[in-house]
Each structure stands twice: as structure tokens, then as C-alpha cells.
Protein backbone atom coordinates (compact mmCIF):
# COMPACT_ATOMS: atom_id res chain seq x y z
CA MET A 1 66.26 -150.33 69.42
CA GLY A 2 69.14 -152.58 69.75
CA ASP A 3 69.04 -156.67 69.55
CA ARG A 4 65.75 -158.36 70.53
CA ARG A 5 65.99 -161.74 69.44
CA VAL A 6 63.96 -163.93 71.47
CA LEU A 7 64.55 -167.41 72.38
CA ALA A 8 61.36 -168.35 74.04
CA CYS A 9 58.06 -167.10 75.16
CA GLY A 10 55.09 -168.12 77.18
CA SER A 11 51.81 -166.56 77.58
CA TYR A 12 49.62 -168.00 80.08
CA TYR A 13 45.63 -167.30 80.88
CA ARG A 14 44.09 -168.80 83.78
CA GLY A 15 46.40 -171.62 83.49
CA GLN A 16 46.38 -172.05 80.12
CA ARG A 17 48.89 -171.22 76.98
CA ARG A 18 47.72 -168.67 74.59
CA THR A 19 49.92 -169.46 71.59
CA ASP A 20 47.75 -166.96 69.55
CA LEU A 21 48.35 -164.03 71.83
CA GLU A 22 52.26 -164.90 71.97
CA ARG A 23 52.28 -165.03 68.16
CA GLU A 24 50.35 -161.74 67.85
CA TYR A 25 52.62 -159.87 70.80
CA LEU A 26 55.85 -161.15 69.04
CA GLU A 27 54.96 -160.31 65.29
CA VAL A 28 52.96 -157.12 65.89
CA TYR A 29 54.16 -155.47 69.25
CA HIS A 30 57.36 -156.68 70.20
CA PRO A 31 59.26 -154.85 67.35
CA ILE A 32 57.88 -151.49 68.40
CA ASN A 33 57.40 -151.90 72.22
CA GLU A 34 59.22 -148.79 73.58
CA ALA A 35 59.69 -150.51 77.24
CA VAL A 36 61.81 -153.41 76.03
CA PRO A 37 65.12 -151.41 75.96
CA ARG A 38 64.37 -149.67 79.05
CA GLN A 39 63.49 -152.78 80.73
CA LEU A 40 66.75 -154.37 79.62
CA GLN A 41 68.74 -151.50 81.66
CA LEU A 42 67.29 -152.26 84.84
CA PRO A 43 69.00 -154.17 87.64
CA GLU A 44 68.57 -157.96 87.79
CA GLY A 45 65.56 -158.81 89.82
CA HIS A 46 64.28 -155.31 89.86
CA LEU A 47 60.37 -155.27 90.07
CA VAL A 48 58.85 -152.48 88.03
CA GLN A 49 54.99 -151.42 87.31
CA ILE A 50 54.79 -151.68 83.45
CA LYS A 51 53.46 -148.07 83.07
CA ASP A 52 56.60 -146.76 84.42
CA LEU A 53 58.49 -148.02 81.67
CA TYR A 54 56.78 -145.59 79.15
CA THR A 55 57.04 -141.86 78.94
CA PRO A 56 53.79 -139.84 79.60
CA GLU A 57 53.56 -138.92 76.08
CA GLU A 58 54.00 -142.68 75.06
CA LEU A 59 51.12 -143.67 77.52
CA LYS A 60 49.15 -141.49 75.01
CA THR A 61 50.44 -142.62 71.67
CA SER A 62 52.30 -145.95 71.94
CA ARG A 63 50.59 -148.93 70.25
CA ALA A 64 52.22 -151.51 72.01
CA TYR A 65 50.95 -150.29 75.46
CA ASN A 66 47.78 -148.92 74.26
CA GLU A 67 46.68 -151.94 71.75
CA GLY A 68 48.77 -154.61 72.85
CA LEU A 69 48.89 -154.71 76.18
CA LEU A 70 45.16 -153.62 76.72
CA ARG A 71 44.19 -156.83 74.72
CA VAL A 72 45.82 -158.87 77.35
CA LYS A 73 45.24 -156.83 80.16
CA TYR A 74 48.81 -156.00 81.38
CA GLN A 75 48.90 -152.16 81.33
CA ASN A 76 48.67 -152.36 84.98
CA GLY A 77 51.08 -155.48 85.39
CA LEU A 78 54.31 -155.83 87.09
CA SER A 79 57.53 -157.04 85.43
CA ALA A 80 60.93 -158.05 86.52
CA LEU A 81 64.40 -158.67 84.98
CA LEU A 82 65.92 -161.87 85.56
CA ASP A 83 69.40 -163.46 84.51
CA GLY A 84 68.76 -166.21 82.41
CA PRO A 85 70.64 -169.41 81.15
CA GLY A 86 73.78 -169.00 78.78
CA GLY A 87 73.66 -164.95 79.27
CA CYS A 88 70.05 -164.54 78.17
CA ARG A 89 67.78 -162.26 80.10
CA MET A 90 64.57 -162.98 80.98
CA THR A 91 61.36 -161.15 81.66
CA TRP A 92 58.42 -162.49 84.17
CA THR A 93 55.54 -160.11 83.48
CA LEU A 94 52.24 -160.61 85.62
CA GLY A 95 48.92 -159.09 84.34
CA ASP A 96 46.92 -156.67 85.58
CA PRO A 97 45.55 -157.35 89.73
CA ALA A 98 42.45 -159.09 90.32
CA ALA A 99 41.80 -156.20 93.00
CA SER A 100 40.51 -152.92 91.71
CA ASP A 101 42.56 -150.75 94.01
CA GLY A 102 45.84 -152.20 92.61
CA TRP A 103 48.84 -154.46 93.71
CA GLY A 104 48.91 -154.70 97.84
CA SER A 105 52.38 -154.43 99.60
CA SER A 106 51.67 -158.17 100.53
CA GLU A 107 51.35 -159.25 97.19
CA ILE A 108 54.38 -157.22 95.64
CA ALA A 109 56.60 -158.80 98.50
CA MET A 110 55.07 -162.50 97.52
CA ILE A 111 56.19 -161.67 93.95
CA ARG A 112 59.75 -160.45 95.26
CA ARG A 113 60.31 -163.95 97.04
CA LEU A 114 59.01 -165.86 94.13
CA ALA A 115 61.15 -164.24 91.33
CA PRO A 116 64.49 -166.27 92.33
CA HIS A 117 62.49 -169.53 92.15
CA ILE A 118 61.25 -168.53 88.81
CA ARG A 119 64.31 -167.77 87.65
CA GLN A 120 65.87 -171.04 89.01
CA PHE A 121 62.86 -173.03 87.51
CA VAL A 122 63.91 -171.72 83.71
CA ARG A 123 67.59 -172.51 84.40
CA VAL A 124 67.12 -176.11 85.35
CA ARG A 125 64.35 -176.50 82.55
CA GLN A 126 66.41 -175.46 80.12
CA ALA A 127 69.18 -177.58 80.97
CA LEU A 128 66.90 -180.61 80.70
CA MET A 129 65.54 -179.40 77.84
CA ARG A 130 69.01 -179.05 75.89
CA ALA A 131 69.40 -182.84 77.35
CA GLY A 132 66.45 -184.06 75.50
CA ALA A 133 65.00 -184.62 79.00
CA SER A 134 62.30 -181.93 79.50
CA ASP A 135 59.55 -184.79 80.32
CA THR A 136 61.89 -187.48 82.05
CA THR A 137 61.61 -189.08 85.54
CA VAL A 138 64.25 -188.46 88.06
CA THR A 139 64.91 -192.11 87.58
CA ALA A 140 65.22 -192.27 84.06
CA LEU A 141 67.51 -189.18 84.16
CA LEU A 142 70.23 -191.50 85.16
CA ASP A 143 70.11 -192.69 81.32
CA ASN A 144 70.59 -189.45 79.81
CA PRO A 145 73.92 -189.01 78.10
CA ARG A 146 74.35 -185.62 77.48
CA ILE A 147 74.40 -184.25 80.94
CA GLY A 148 75.98 -185.49 84.21
CA VAL A 149 73.26 -186.69 86.59
CA LEU A 150 73.92 -187.28 90.29
CA HIS A 151 71.33 -188.17 92.82
CA LEU A 152 71.90 -187.31 96.61
CA ASP A 153 70.34 -188.79 99.74
CA ARG A 154 68.94 -186.68 102.74
CA ARG A 155 72.55 -186.20 104.02
CA GLY A 156 73.97 -184.95 100.88
CA ARG A 157 75.63 -187.81 100.14
CA ILE A 158 76.01 -189.50 96.49
CA LEU A 159 73.58 -192.34 95.91
CA ALA A 160 73.79 -192.64 92.13
CA VAL A 161 75.54 -191.10 89.15
CA ASN A 162 75.21 -191.60 85.21
CA ASP A 163 78.14 -192.06 82.98
CA ARG A 164 78.54 -188.84 82.16
CA ALA A 165 78.64 -187.59 85.80
CA CYS A 166 81.10 -190.36 86.40
CA SER A 167 83.34 -189.53 83.73
CA ILE A 168 83.58 -185.86 85.08
CA LEU A 169 84.00 -186.83 88.57
CA GLN A 170 86.91 -189.34 87.49
CA HIS A 171 88.73 -186.68 85.57
CA GLY A 172 88.33 -184.43 88.91
CA ASP A 173 88.92 -181.18 86.81
CA GLY A 174 86.42 -178.79 88.67
CA LEU A 175 84.10 -181.46 90.50
CA SER A 176 85.29 -184.88 92.33
CA ASP A 177 83.86 -187.56 94.68
CA ARG A 178 85.59 -187.62 97.90
CA ASP A 179 84.29 -190.32 100.00
CA GLY A 180 80.79 -190.33 98.46
CA VAL A 181 80.41 -186.32 98.89
CA LEU A 182 81.01 -184.01 95.91
CA ARG A 183 83.91 -181.69 96.02
CA ALA A 184 84.87 -178.73 93.70
CA SER A 185 88.67 -178.41 92.90
CA ALA A 186 88.82 -174.56 93.89
CA PRO A 187 88.45 -174.02 97.84
CA GLU A 188 86.18 -170.80 97.14
CA ASP A 189 84.11 -172.92 94.88
CA ASN A 190 83.76 -175.77 97.34
CA THR A 191 82.73 -173.31 100.00
CA LEU A 192 80.03 -172.03 97.79
CA LEU A 193 79.16 -175.56 96.60
CA GLU A 194 78.67 -176.90 99.98
CA ARG A 195 76.10 -174.19 100.67
CA LEU A 196 74.39 -175.03 97.62
CA LEU A 197 73.93 -178.60 98.18
CA ALA A 198 73.12 -178.22 101.95
CA ALA A 199 70.29 -175.35 100.89
CA ALA A 200 68.75 -178.17 98.81
CA LEU A 201 68.17 -180.75 101.35
CA PRO A 202 64.92 -180.94 103.62
CA ALA A 203 66.60 -180.38 106.84
CA SER A 204 67.67 -176.81 105.61
CA GLY A 205 64.33 -175.99 103.57
CA ALA A 206 65.15 -177.61 100.24
CA VAL A 207 66.01 -174.68 97.91
CA SER A 208 67.26 -174.95 94.18
CA GLY A 209 70.05 -173.07 93.02
CA SER A 210 73.08 -173.00 90.32
CA MET A 211 76.75 -172.13 90.31
CA PRO A 212 79.77 -172.14 87.91
CA LEU A 213 82.62 -174.29 88.70
CA GLY A 214 85.93 -173.06 87.63
CA ARG A 215 88.61 -175.86 85.75
CA SER A 216 91.49 -175.66 84.15
CA ALA A 217 92.56 -172.15 82.31
CA ALA A 218 92.01 -173.56 78.98
CA LEU A 219 88.54 -174.85 79.97
CA SER A 220 85.07 -173.23 80.27
CA PRO A 221 83.78 -173.90 83.74
CA LEU A 222 81.25 -176.54 84.61
CA VAL A 223 77.71 -175.53 85.37
CA VAL A 224 76.06 -177.27 88.33
CA HIS A 225 72.15 -176.81 88.94
CA VAL A 226 70.95 -178.40 92.10
CA LYS A 227 67.34 -179.37 92.63
CA PRO A 228 65.44 -180.65 95.60
CA VAL A 229 63.25 -183.80 95.10
CA GLY A 230 60.07 -183.64 96.91
CA ILE A 231 59.22 -186.63 99.02
CA GLY A 232 55.61 -187.02 97.21
CA GLN A 233 57.11 -187.86 93.85
CA HIS A 234 56.24 -190.93 92.38
CA ASP A 235 59.54 -192.34 90.57
CA TYR A 236 59.84 -196.05 91.62
CA GLY A 237 63.50 -196.60 93.02
CA ALA A 238 63.95 -193.01 93.78
CA ARG A 239 62.07 -192.66 97.01
CA HIS A 240 65.24 -192.14 98.88
CA VAL A 241 66.59 -189.26 96.50
CA ALA A 242 66.40 -186.06 98.19
CA ALA A 243 68.36 -183.79 95.58
CA LEU A 244 69.08 -183.79 91.90
CA VAL A 245 72.22 -182.62 90.82
CA LEU A 246 73.00 -181.66 87.13
CA VAL A 247 76.47 -181.00 85.84
CA VAL A 248 76.37 -179.51 82.31
CA ASP A 249 79.87 -179.56 80.55
CA PRO A 250 80.20 -177.14 77.87
CA ARG A 251 82.94 -179.10 76.15
CA SER A 252 80.31 -181.71 75.52
CA GLN A 253 78.65 -179.29 73.07
CA HIS A 254 81.22 -180.07 70.14
CA ARG A 255 80.41 -180.63 66.63
CA ILE A 256 80.10 -184.14 65.51
CA SER A 257 81.33 -185.95 62.15
CA PRO A 258 78.39 -187.38 60.33
CA GLU A 259 80.88 -188.99 58.09
CA LEU A 260 82.49 -190.47 61.07
CA VAL A 261 79.24 -192.13 62.03
CA THR A 262 78.63 -193.27 58.76
CA GLN A 263 81.76 -195.17 58.35
CA THR A 264 81.52 -196.50 62.16
CA LEU A 265 77.92 -197.42 62.28
CA GLY A 266 77.44 -198.39 58.66
CA LEU A 267 74.52 -195.73 58.34
CA THR A 268 73.26 -193.98 55.11
CA PRO A 269 74.34 -190.22 55.21
CA ALA A 270 70.69 -188.92 56.02
CA GLU A 271 70.39 -191.55 58.74
CA SER A 272 73.89 -190.24 60.45
CA GLN A 273 72.94 -186.64 60.40
CA VAL A 274 69.81 -187.56 61.94
CA ALA A 275 71.72 -189.43 64.49
CA VAL A 276 74.29 -186.61 64.93
CA TRP A 277 71.67 -183.89 65.29
CA LEU A 278 70.31 -185.86 67.98
CA ALA A 279 73.39 -186.46 69.84
CA GLU A 280 74.29 -182.42 69.79
CA GLY A 281 70.77 -182.01 71.23
CA LYS A 282 68.34 -181.16 68.60
CA SER A 283 64.76 -182.36 68.82
CA VAL A 284 62.94 -184.48 65.94
CA ASN A 285 60.87 -181.29 65.27
CA GLU A 286 64.06 -179.01 64.83
CA ILE A 287 65.66 -182.03 62.50
CA ALA A 288 62.49 -181.78 60.61
CA LYS A 289 62.31 -178.17 60.19
CA ALA A 290 66.17 -178.05 59.28
CA THR A 291 65.70 -180.69 56.68
CA GLY A 292 62.46 -179.59 55.26
CA ARG A 293 61.09 -183.01 55.88
CA SER A 294 58.32 -183.97 57.81
CA LYS A 295 58.49 -185.42 61.83
CA GLY A 296 57.07 -188.65 60.41
CA SER A 297 60.33 -188.70 57.96
CA ILE A 298 62.66 -188.26 60.73
CA TYR A 299 60.92 -190.92 62.70
CA TRP A 300 61.40 -193.48 59.77
CA HIS A 301 65.08 -192.86 59.65
CA LEU A 302 65.20 -193.51 63.58
CA LYS A 303 63.27 -196.74 62.98
CA GLN A 304 65.89 -197.60 60.35
CA ILE A 305 68.79 -196.82 62.73
CA TYR A 306 67.43 -198.63 65.46
CA ARG A 307 66.95 -201.76 63.69
CA LYS A 308 70.54 -201.69 62.10
CA GLN A 309 72.01 -201.00 65.63
CA HIS A 310 69.55 -203.53 67.71
CA ILE A 311 68.65 -200.55 69.96
CA SER A 312 65.23 -199.06 70.81
CA ARG A 313 65.75 -195.78 72.43
CA GLN A 314 67.07 -192.52 71.44
CA ALA A 315 69.15 -192.48 74.87
CA ASP A 316 70.80 -195.50 73.44
CA LEU A 317 71.25 -193.97 70.01
CA VAL A 318 72.77 -190.67 71.53
CA ARG A 319 75.02 -192.39 73.69
CA LEU A 320 76.30 -194.57 70.72
CA VAL A 321 77.34 -191.77 68.71
CA LEU A 322 79.06 -189.93 71.63
CA SER A 323 80.96 -192.78 72.37
CA ILE A 324 82.21 -193.21 68.67
CA THR A 325 83.26 -189.28 68.97
CA GLN A 326 85.31 -189.82 72.18
CA PHE A 327 87.42 -192.44 70.76
CA ALA A 328 88.07 -190.94 67.18
């Protein structure tokens, strides 16, 4: 039934994540679910009743429908196909309605309004996870070396930028700073960027969004994510921030030489490999799985690296490794 590789999955019941149900579905029912390839052919954002993805005969015989979905109470649910990050597709699925008479028109209308916000939440979350900053506060994001981070005030003017964003703006290919205001290089991109930034500000309703920004012909586009920052958030020093801008540069995802890190920083080969993988965006858990070692072992290597380099944070280590590659 085609390529069904699942990159991420989350199943929630009454606010609690159920990893047991996720595992059972992915291992037993997802490979034989007749509805999956049909849903992937639907238009982006299209909301469909799950039972309509099966033929009349399959409604009687499908194990996925009659066992898997019955177990998690999804037989009468709704599902929408959404564009995900990096060319992936997302399915947002809701379980059976609480009312015995099915889904009401007002409920369906509300779900359709929510779908774009769910899609945008996943896109921003993915960008933060790849940067190792999924649980980072708005203020602390400025320390992240893997993505460009900008704070905007209520008028859309730049309040603060991190080192990565500063480098992107100074280069001026795709995105630049013109008198404290973000500008795209291409006029058509700039029109869309202005709308995107304005929509994220309080005066316009504070709506998040994303867009690609074209650069020189030989370079991949930058990806810009804009997210409103609520007035009630508790980041000390960020009370004047109205919007957060994340700029992802595909060029930054390049291969880093562990040998170069070993020679430059005086680390062991094992320590250098850990440092490189962190700089490339891998988590400690992913590194442990890749090496067949425990997370405790990886943290021990990090402790040795910190001691040798006189640093104390992963962000400092990543910045150090990336600075080596920039001047190699």
C-alpha cells in the first residue's frame, strides 16, 4: 500500500498520552489499515468521517476498523490531512463524538477552524525540537545556535536577535534588517512576509504562520515561522515581546567532521562524536541509541567535554562546534 513510514505519533485520551495504544496501533493495525492510502490522496485540510474511508465490505471485514478503531473508540471519529514540515503529511484524528446523535454542524465548523492552528503548532514544535529547544523559554531561545531567533515588539520592530539570526540578516540573502524591520529580498516574498508578521501581532489577532523565503538560485529557501507571544507568559525580561520569529536555514544542517573537532578541541574520538551529533541536532537519547550505550554514558562524555572546555551547557558546546566548522 505504498510508503507508510511514521515519523511521529501521539494518542491522547482525556488529556493523557497513551503510548500503549500508540504502540499497538503502529505494530498491529497501521500496516493493514485500508484507510491510510486513501486518506493520503485527499486534499490538504479536507475533513472526513473515518468510516467513509472504508468500503461497505471493509466495514464488515477490516481488522483495522473492527478491532483497532473499536478499541480506541475511533470508528465514528473525524480526521483531517494536513501538510507537515519537510514535505511530510500529518493526520489529525478525533475520536467518537460525545453526543449520541453524532457530530453537530457547529462542532464540525469549529474543528475546521482549528485545523490550521494544529498544523502550525506542529510546524513550530518540529522546528524547536530539531534545534533542541522544545522546552525552552522565549528568553532562553536567544541562546540557541541552531536556528535564527528574533523577538518583535507590538509594532513588529526587532527587539533582539541571536547569533544565528544576526548572521542571516547580515548576509542579506533572503532576509535582512532594514531600520529595525524585517524585509525579504524578493518583492513578492516581502509582501507575504509583511502580512505574516502583521497577523502575529496583537492588533491583528495574533495568528501564527510560516512561509519560505527565496534566496540565490543555488541555495534552498529559508523557512520562517512566526508565533505570537502571549502577554500572560512568565519569561522574565520578555514581557515586551509580542511575536517570536524562527528562521531555519537548511544550509546549517551540514555534516560536521568529528576529526576536525578532535584536532581543534583536543577531545577523544568518542567525545568528539558526541559533540558533533549534538551540533547536528541529535538528542542525548538518539545518540545513546545510535551508539548502543546508556544515556548515563553519553552524559558522562558531556561532563568530560565541559570540564576540558570550561563550559557548562549543551548550547555552549554546540556554538563552539559550529564556530569551528565555520572557519575550517
